[in-house]
N, C-alpha and C. Protein backbone atom coordinates (compact mmCIF):
# COMPACT_ATOMS: atom_id res chain seq x y z
N MET A 1 -4.39 0.53 38.60
CA MET A 1 -3.09 0.48 37.98
C MET A 1 -3.15 -0.48 36.78
N ALA A 2 -2.60 -0.07 35.67
CA ALA A 2 -2.62 -0.89 34.46
C ALA A 2 -1.65 -2.06 34.59
N LYS A 3 -2.07 -3.20 34.05
CA LYS A 3 -1.20 -4.37 34.06
C LYS A 3 -0.12 -4.21 33.01
N LYS A 4 1.05 -4.71 33.30
CA LYS A 4 2.15 -4.71 32.35
C LYS A 4 2.36 -6.13 31.87
N TYR A 5 2.47 -6.31 30.58
CA TYR A 5 2.71 -7.62 29.98
C TYR A 5 4.02 -7.57 29.23
N THR A 6 4.76 -8.64 29.31
CA THR A 6 5.99 -8.69 28.54
C THR A 6 5.63 -8.88 27.07
N ARG A 7 6.40 -8.29 26.22
CA ARG A 7 6.15 -8.38 24.79
C ARG A 7 6.78 -9.65 24.25
N ALA A 8 5.99 -10.41 23.51
CA ALA A 8 6.48 -11.65 22.91
C ALA A 8 6.56 -11.47 21.41
N LYS A 9 7.62 -11.95 20.83
CA LYS A 9 7.76 -11.91 19.38
C LYS A 9 7.69 -13.33 18.86
N VAL A 10 6.92 -13.51 17.80
CA VAL A 10 6.82 -14.82 17.17
C VAL A 10 7.56 -14.71 15.84
N GLU A 11 8.54 -15.55 15.66
CA GLU A 11 9.34 -15.52 14.45
C GLU A 11 9.12 -16.81 13.67
N ALA A 12 8.93 -16.69 12.38
CA ALA A 12 8.82 -17.88 11.54
C ALA A 12 10.22 -18.30 11.15
N SER A 13 10.49 -19.57 11.24
CA SER A 13 11.81 -20.05 10.85
C SER A 13 11.95 -19.97 9.35
N HIS A 14 13.19 -19.97 8.88
CA HIS A 14 13.45 -19.89 7.44
C HIS A 14 12.80 -21.06 6.72
N SER A 15 12.86 -22.24 7.32
CA SER A 15 12.26 -23.42 6.67
C SER A 15 10.74 -23.31 6.60
N THR A 16 10.10 -22.67 7.60
CA THR A 16 8.66 -22.48 7.58
C THR A 16 8.26 -21.59 6.41
N VAL A 17 9.00 -20.51 6.21
CA VAL A 17 8.71 -19.60 5.10
C VAL A 17 8.96 -20.29 3.77
N GLU A 18 10.04 -21.09 3.67
CA GLU A 18 10.29 -21.83 2.43
C GLU A 18 9.16 -22.79 2.11
N ARG A 19 8.65 -23.50 3.14
CA ARG A 19 7.54 -24.43 2.92
C ARG A 19 6.30 -23.67 2.44
N MET A 20 6.05 -22.50 3.03
CA MET A 20 4.90 -21.72 2.62
C MET A 20 5.08 -21.25 1.17
N ASN A 21 6.30 -20.85 0.78
CA ASN A 21 6.55 -20.43 -0.60
C ASN A 21 6.31 -21.57 -1.57
N ASP A 22 6.70 -22.79 -1.18
CA ASP A 22 6.47 -23.96 -2.03
C ASP A 22 4.98 -24.25 -2.14
N THR A 23 4.25 -24.10 -1.05
CA THR A 23 2.83 -24.40 -1.02
C THR A 23 2.03 -23.35 -1.77
N PHE A 24 2.39 -22.09 -1.58
CA PHE A 24 1.66 -21.01 -2.24
C PHE A 24 2.65 -20.00 -2.82
N PRO A 25 3.15 -20.24 -4.02
CA PRO A 25 4.21 -19.40 -4.59
C PRO A 25 3.79 -17.96 -4.87
N ASP A 26 2.47 -17.69 -4.95
CA ASP A 26 2.03 -16.31 -5.20
C ASP A 26 2.11 -15.45 -3.95
N GLY A 27 2.46 -16.04 -2.82
CA GLY A 27 2.61 -15.28 -1.60
C GLY A 27 1.30 -15.08 -0.86
N ALA A 28 1.43 -14.45 0.28
CA ALA A 28 0.30 -14.23 1.17
C ALA A 28 -0.41 -12.92 0.86
N LEU A 29 -1.60 -12.81 1.40
CA LEU A 29 -2.42 -11.60 1.30
C LEU A 29 -2.51 -10.99 2.70
N MET A 30 -2.33 -9.69 2.78
CA MET A 30 -2.35 -8.99 4.06
C MET A 30 -3.28 -7.80 3.94
N VAL A 31 -4.13 -7.61 4.93
CA VAL A 31 -4.95 -6.40 4.97
C VAL A 31 -4.56 -5.64 6.24
N CYS A 32 -4.25 -4.36 6.07
CA CYS A 32 -3.86 -3.52 7.19
C CYS A 32 -5.09 -2.74 7.65
N VAL A 33 -5.43 -2.93 8.90
CA VAL A 33 -6.60 -2.23 9.44
C VAL A 33 -6.15 -1.17 10.43
N THR A 34 -6.97 -0.15 10.56
CA THR A 34 -6.63 1.00 11.40
C THR A 34 -7.54 1.06 12.61
N GLY A 35 -7.48 2.17 13.28
CA GLY A 35 -8.26 2.37 14.49
C GLY A 35 -9.68 2.79 14.25
N GLN A 36 -10.31 2.29 13.21
CA GLN A 36 -11.69 2.66 12.91
C GLN A 36 -12.51 1.40 12.67
N ARG A 37 -13.77 1.44 13.06
CA ARG A 37 -14.65 0.30 12.83
C ARG A 37 -14.90 0.05 11.34
N SER A 38 -14.64 1.03 10.51
CA SER A 38 -14.86 0.86 9.08
C SER A 38 -13.85 -0.10 8.45
N CYS A 39 -12.94 -0.64 9.25
CA CYS A 39 -11.95 -1.58 8.71
C CYS A 39 -12.61 -2.83 8.16
N GLU A 40 -13.86 -3.08 8.52
CA GLU A 40 -14.58 -4.25 7.98
C GLU A 40 -14.60 -4.22 6.45
N ARG A 41 -14.76 -3.06 5.86
CA ARG A 41 -14.82 -2.96 4.40
C ARG A 41 -13.48 -3.33 3.78
N LEU A 42 -12.38 -3.05 4.45
CA LEU A 42 -11.06 -3.43 3.95
C LEU A 42 -10.90 -4.95 4.01
N ILE A 43 -11.35 -5.54 5.09
CA ILE A 43 -11.27 -6.99 5.24
C ILE A 43 -12.14 -7.67 4.18
N GLU A 44 -13.33 -7.14 3.95
CA GLU A 44 -14.21 -7.71 2.92
C GLU A 44 -13.59 -7.60 1.54
N ARG A 45 -12.95 -6.48 1.24
CA ARG A 45 -12.29 -6.30 -0.08
C ARG A 45 -11.16 -7.31 -0.24
N ALA A 46 -10.36 -7.48 0.80
CA ALA A 46 -9.27 -8.45 0.74
C ALA A 46 -9.81 -9.87 0.56
N ALA A 47 -10.86 -10.19 1.27
CA ALA A 47 -11.46 -11.53 1.15
C ALA A 47 -11.96 -11.77 -0.27
N ALA A 48 -12.44 -10.71 -0.92
CA ALA A 48 -12.96 -10.85 -2.29
C ALA A 48 -11.86 -11.13 -3.31
N ILE A 49 -10.63 -10.69 -3.05
CA ILE A 49 -9.55 -10.92 -4.01
C ILE A 49 -8.65 -12.09 -3.61
N ARG A 50 -8.91 -12.68 -2.48
CA ARG A 50 -8.11 -13.81 -2.00
C ARG A 50 -8.24 -15.00 -2.94
N LYS A 51 -7.11 -15.62 -3.22
CA LYS A 51 -7.10 -16.85 -4.02
C LYS A 51 -7.33 -18.04 -3.08
N PRO A 52 -7.90 -19.13 -3.61
CA PRO A 52 -8.15 -20.30 -2.75
C PRO A 52 -6.87 -20.77 -2.06
N GLU A 53 -6.99 -21.02 -0.77
CA GLU A 53 -5.88 -21.52 0.06
C GLU A 53 -4.75 -20.53 0.27
N GLN A 54 -4.90 -19.29 -0.20
CA GLN A 54 -3.85 -18.29 -0.02
C GLN A 54 -3.77 -17.89 1.46
N PRO A 55 -2.57 -17.88 2.03
CA PRO A 55 -2.44 -17.38 3.41
C PRO A 55 -2.97 -15.95 3.49
N PHE A 56 -3.74 -15.66 4.52
CA PHE A 56 -4.47 -14.40 4.63
C PHE A 56 -4.32 -13.87 6.06
N TYR A 57 -3.81 -12.64 6.17
CA TYR A 57 -3.57 -12.03 7.47
C TYR A 57 -4.29 -10.70 7.58
N VAL A 58 -4.99 -10.51 8.69
CA VAL A 58 -5.53 -9.21 9.07
C VAL A 58 -4.56 -8.66 10.10
N VAL A 59 -3.95 -7.51 9.80
CA VAL A 59 -2.90 -6.99 10.65
C VAL A 59 -3.27 -5.59 11.14
N HIS A 60 -3.15 -5.43 12.45
CA HIS A 60 -3.37 -4.12 13.06
C HIS A 60 -2.15 -3.81 13.90
N CYS A 61 -1.51 -2.71 13.62
CA CYS A 61 -0.33 -2.30 14.39
C CYS A 61 -0.66 -1.03 15.15
N VAL A 62 -0.38 -1.09 16.43
CA VAL A 62 -0.66 0.04 17.31
C VAL A 62 0.66 0.56 17.84
N GLN A 63 0.81 1.86 17.77
CA GLN A 63 2.02 2.47 18.32
C GLN A 63 2.04 2.28 19.83
N THR A 64 3.19 1.98 20.36
CA THR A 64 3.35 1.76 21.79
C THR A 64 2.73 2.93 22.57
N GLY A 65 1.92 2.58 23.55
CA GLY A 65 1.30 3.59 24.41
C GLY A 65 -0.07 4.08 23.95
N ARG A 66 -0.51 3.64 22.78
CA ARG A 66 -1.83 4.04 22.26
C ARG A 66 -2.84 2.94 22.48
N VAL A 67 -4.13 3.30 22.41
CA VAL A 67 -5.20 2.29 22.57
C VAL A 67 -5.53 1.70 21.21
N PHE A 68 -6.11 0.50 21.23
CA PHE A 68 -6.51 -0.19 20.01
C PHE A 68 -7.80 0.42 19.48
N MET A 69 -7.84 0.72 18.20
CA MET A 69 -9.06 1.04 17.47
C MET A 69 -9.97 2.09 18.09
N ASN A 70 -9.44 3.01 18.81
CA ASN A 70 -10.20 4.10 19.42
C ASN A 70 -11.26 3.63 20.41
N PHE A 71 -11.12 2.39 20.90
CA PHE A 71 -12.01 1.87 21.92
C PHE A 71 -11.43 2.25 23.28
N VAL A 72 -12.30 2.38 24.27
CA VAL A 72 -11.82 2.61 25.63
C VAL A 72 -11.18 1.33 26.15
N SER A 73 -11.71 0.20 25.72
CA SER A 73 -11.25 -1.09 26.21
C SER A 73 -10.54 -1.88 25.11
N ASP A 74 -9.27 -2.22 25.34
CA ASP A 74 -8.53 -3.03 24.38
C ASP A 74 -9.18 -4.40 24.14
N PRO A 75 -9.69 -5.09 25.17
CA PRO A 75 -10.32 -6.39 24.90
C PRO A 75 -11.49 -6.29 23.92
N GLN A 76 -12.28 -5.23 23.98
CA GLN A 76 -13.38 -5.06 23.02
C GLN A 76 -12.84 -4.91 21.60
N ALA A 77 -11.77 -4.15 21.44
CA ALA A 77 -11.18 -3.94 20.13
C ALA A 77 -10.61 -5.24 19.58
N ILE A 78 -9.93 -5.97 20.42
CA ILE A 78 -9.33 -7.24 19.98
C ILE A 78 -10.43 -8.23 19.60
N GLU A 79 -11.50 -8.28 20.39
CA GLU A 79 -12.60 -9.19 20.08
C GLU A 79 -13.26 -8.80 18.75
N PHE A 80 -13.44 -7.52 18.51
CA PHE A 80 -14.02 -7.05 17.25
C PHE A 80 -13.16 -7.48 16.06
N LEU A 81 -11.85 -7.26 16.14
CA LEU A 81 -10.96 -7.64 15.05
C LEU A 81 -10.92 -9.16 14.86
N PHE A 82 -10.90 -9.89 15.97
CA PHE A 82 -10.87 -11.34 15.88
C PHE A 82 -12.12 -11.86 15.17
N THR A 83 -13.27 -11.29 15.51
CA THR A 83 -14.53 -11.69 14.87
C THR A 83 -14.48 -11.41 13.37
N CYS A 84 -14.03 -10.21 13.00
CA CYS A 84 -13.94 -9.85 11.57
C CYS A 84 -13.01 -10.80 10.83
N ALA A 85 -11.86 -11.10 11.41
CA ALA A 85 -10.89 -12.00 10.77
C ALA A 85 -11.44 -13.42 10.68
N SER A 86 -12.11 -13.87 11.72
CA SER A 86 -12.65 -15.23 11.75
C SER A 86 -13.70 -15.45 10.66
N ILE A 87 -14.52 -14.44 10.43
CA ILE A 87 -15.59 -14.55 9.43
C ILE A 87 -15.03 -14.85 8.05
N VAL A 88 -13.85 -14.30 7.73
CA VAL A 88 -13.26 -14.51 6.41
C VAL A 88 -12.12 -15.53 6.44
N ASN A 89 -12.01 -16.26 7.55
CA ASN A 89 -11.00 -17.31 7.70
C ASN A 89 -9.58 -16.77 7.53
N ALA A 90 -9.30 -15.65 8.19
CA ALA A 90 -7.97 -15.05 8.16
C ALA A 90 -7.33 -15.15 9.53
N GLU A 91 -6.01 -15.08 9.55
CA GLU A 91 -5.28 -15.01 10.81
C GLU A 91 -5.21 -13.56 11.24
N LEU A 92 -5.39 -13.32 12.53
CA LEU A 92 -5.29 -11.97 13.08
C LEU A 92 -3.92 -11.79 13.70
N ALA A 93 -3.26 -10.71 13.34
CA ALA A 93 -1.98 -10.36 13.95
C ALA A 93 -2.09 -8.95 14.50
N ILE A 94 -1.82 -8.81 15.77
CA ILE A 94 -1.83 -7.49 16.39
C ILE A 94 -0.41 -7.19 16.83
N LEU A 95 0.12 -6.10 16.31
CA LEU A 95 1.48 -5.71 16.60
C LEU A 95 1.47 -4.44 17.43
N ARG A 96 2.37 -4.33 18.37
CA ARG A 96 2.52 -3.10 19.15
C ARG A 96 3.99 -2.73 19.08
N GLU A 97 4.26 -1.67 18.33
CA GLU A 97 5.64 -1.24 18.10
C GLU A 97 5.71 0.28 18.11
N ASP A 98 6.90 0.80 18.33
CA ASP A 98 7.08 2.24 18.28
C ASP A 98 6.93 2.77 16.85
N ASN A 99 7.48 2.05 15.88
CA ASN A 99 7.43 2.48 14.49
C ASN A 99 6.49 1.55 13.72
N VAL A 100 5.29 2.02 13.45
CA VAL A 100 4.26 1.22 12.79
C VAL A 100 4.70 0.77 11.40
N LEU A 101 5.26 1.66 10.62
CA LEU A 101 5.67 1.31 9.26
C LEU A 101 6.74 0.22 9.27
N ASP A 102 7.74 0.35 10.12
CA ASP A 102 8.78 -0.69 10.21
C ASP A 102 8.17 -2.03 10.60
N ALA A 103 7.23 -2.02 11.53
CA ALA A 103 6.60 -3.27 11.98
C ALA A 103 5.82 -3.93 10.86
N LEU A 104 5.07 -3.15 10.09
CA LEU A 104 4.28 -3.72 8.99
C LEU A 104 5.17 -4.24 7.86
N VAL A 105 6.23 -3.51 7.55
CA VAL A 105 7.17 -3.97 6.53
C VAL A 105 7.82 -5.27 6.98
N GLY A 106 8.22 -5.34 8.23
CA GLY A 106 8.82 -6.56 8.76
C GLY A 106 7.87 -7.74 8.72
N PHE A 107 6.61 -7.51 9.07
CA PHE A 107 5.61 -8.58 9.02
C PHE A 107 5.43 -9.07 7.59
N ALA A 108 5.32 -8.14 6.65
CA ALA A 108 5.12 -8.51 5.24
C ALA A 108 6.31 -9.32 4.73
N ASP A 109 7.51 -8.91 5.06
CA ASP A 109 8.71 -9.64 4.64
C ASP A 109 8.73 -11.04 5.25
N GLN A 110 8.46 -11.12 6.53
CA GLN A 110 8.55 -12.38 7.26
C GLN A 110 7.50 -13.39 6.79
N HIS A 111 6.35 -12.93 6.32
CA HIS A 111 5.25 -13.83 5.95
C HIS A 111 5.05 -13.95 4.43
N ASN A 112 6.04 -13.54 3.66
CA ASN A 112 5.99 -13.66 2.20
C ASN A 112 4.72 -13.04 1.61
N VAL A 113 4.40 -11.86 2.07
CA VAL A 113 3.21 -11.15 1.59
C VAL A 113 3.51 -10.56 0.21
N LYS A 114 2.60 -10.82 -0.72
CA LYS A 114 2.75 -10.31 -2.09
C LYS A 114 1.64 -9.33 -2.47
N THR A 115 0.56 -9.28 -1.67
CA THR A 115 -0.53 -8.33 -1.91
C THR A 115 -0.96 -7.75 -0.58
N ILE A 116 -1.08 -6.41 -0.53
CA ILE A 116 -1.51 -5.72 0.68
C ILE A 116 -2.70 -4.83 0.34
N VAL A 117 -3.75 -4.95 1.16
CA VAL A 117 -4.95 -4.12 1.03
C VAL A 117 -4.94 -3.13 2.20
N LEU A 118 -5.15 -1.86 1.89
CA LEU A 118 -5.24 -0.85 2.94
C LEU A 118 -6.12 0.29 2.49
N GLY A 119 -6.53 1.09 3.44
CA GLY A 119 -7.41 2.22 3.14
C GLY A 119 -6.65 3.40 2.58
N ALA A 120 -7.38 4.24 1.86
CA ALA A 120 -6.79 5.45 1.27
C ALA A 120 -6.49 6.46 2.36
N SER A 121 -5.42 7.18 2.17
CA SER A 121 -5.02 8.22 3.09
C SER A 121 -5.61 9.55 2.63
N PRO A 122 -5.93 10.44 3.57
CA PRO A 122 -6.41 11.76 3.16
C PRO A 122 -5.33 12.56 2.41
N LYS A 123 -4.06 12.26 2.68
CA LYS A 123 -2.96 12.93 1.97
C LYS A 123 -2.80 12.29 0.60
N GLN A 124 -2.75 13.09 -0.43
CA GLN A 124 -2.56 12.59 -1.79
C GLN A 124 -1.37 13.28 -2.46
N ASP A 125 -0.40 13.68 -1.66
CA ASP A 125 0.74 14.44 -2.19
C ASP A 125 2.02 13.63 -2.32
N GLY A 126 1.91 12.32 -2.29
CA GLY A 126 3.10 11.48 -2.39
C GLY A 126 3.72 11.13 -1.05
N SER A 127 3.20 11.72 0.02
CA SER A 127 3.74 11.43 1.35
C SER A 127 2.75 10.64 2.21
N SER A 128 1.73 10.08 1.57
CA SER A 128 0.73 9.33 2.33
C SER A 128 1.35 8.06 2.91
N PHE A 129 0.65 7.46 3.86
CA PHE A 129 1.11 6.22 4.45
C PHE A 129 1.27 5.15 3.37
N ALA A 130 0.29 5.04 2.47
CA ALA A 130 0.35 4.04 1.40
C ALA A 130 1.57 4.27 0.50
N ASP A 131 1.88 5.51 0.20
CA ASP A 131 3.05 5.82 -0.62
C ASP A 131 4.35 5.42 0.08
N ARG A 132 4.45 5.76 1.35
CA ARG A 132 5.67 5.41 2.11
C ARG A 132 5.79 3.90 2.28
N PHE A 133 4.66 3.24 2.52
CA PHE A 133 4.64 1.79 2.71
C PHE A 133 5.04 1.09 1.42
N SER A 134 4.42 1.46 0.31
CA SER A 134 4.71 0.78 -0.97
C SER A 134 6.14 1.03 -1.43
N SER A 135 6.72 2.17 -1.08
CA SER A 135 8.11 2.43 -1.49
C SER A 135 9.08 1.51 -0.77
N ARG A 136 8.68 0.94 0.36
CA ARG A 136 9.53 0.03 1.12
C ARG A 136 9.37 -1.43 0.68
N LEU A 137 8.32 -1.73 -0.08
CA LEU A 137 8.03 -3.09 -0.52
C LEU A 137 7.77 -3.09 -2.02
N GLU A 138 8.82 -2.98 -2.79
CA GLU A 138 8.68 -2.79 -4.23
C GLU A 138 8.10 -4.00 -4.96
N ASN A 139 8.24 -5.21 -4.42
CA ASN A 139 7.74 -6.41 -5.09
C ASN A 139 6.37 -6.84 -4.57
N VAL A 140 5.66 -5.93 -3.95
CA VAL A 140 4.34 -6.22 -3.38
C VAL A 140 3.30 -5.37 -4.11
N ASP A 141 2.17 -5.99 -4.44
CA ASP A 141 1.06 -5.26 -5.04
C ASP A 141 0.22 -4.62 -3.93
N PHE A 142 -0.13 -3.37 -4.10
CA PHE A 142 -0.95 -2.66 -3.12
C PHE A 142 -2.32 -2.37 -3.71
N VAL A 143 -3.35 -2.66 -2.94
CA VAL A 143 -4.73 -2.36 -3.32
C VAL A 143 -5.21 -1.33 -2.31
N VAL A 144 -5.41 -0.10 -2.77
CA VAL A 144 -5.85 0.98 -1.88
C VAL A 144 -7.34 1.19 -2.08
N VAL A 145 -8.08 1.05 -0.99
CA VAL A 145 -9.54 1.14 -1.00
C VAL A 145 -9.96 2.53 -0.54
N ASP A 146 -10.77 3.20 -1.37
CA ASP A 146 -11.27 4.55 -0.99
C ASP A 146 -12.34 4.45 0.06
């Protein structure tokens, strides 16, 4: 039988975000990783454009009821992501929500993210994930990696 864990939400206080804005006015850098091991290349790209001392987040959002990163074991997936994030001195955030796009937009807003790195979508008709994501965050720069 699978273990059930209560979901915890961590919220940054308004004063915490203000202090971060004062410390780093250009905002944070966020890389969105998916359920593929190739996410390392996205993390490396984000690390290459990171400014010194810029807050840096590796974020993976999993829809409720799905497994992490196509692994059979969630602990293996979490350890893999943690290792990748640690190598580039980034914070790892793993979100589990019903609506992935809403969760990522909320995270970006809450953490003063000004640049987001993500992988290219196979859809190129204006309805891709990157297109929908960027339309919700108009003041954020998006770097889409092929």
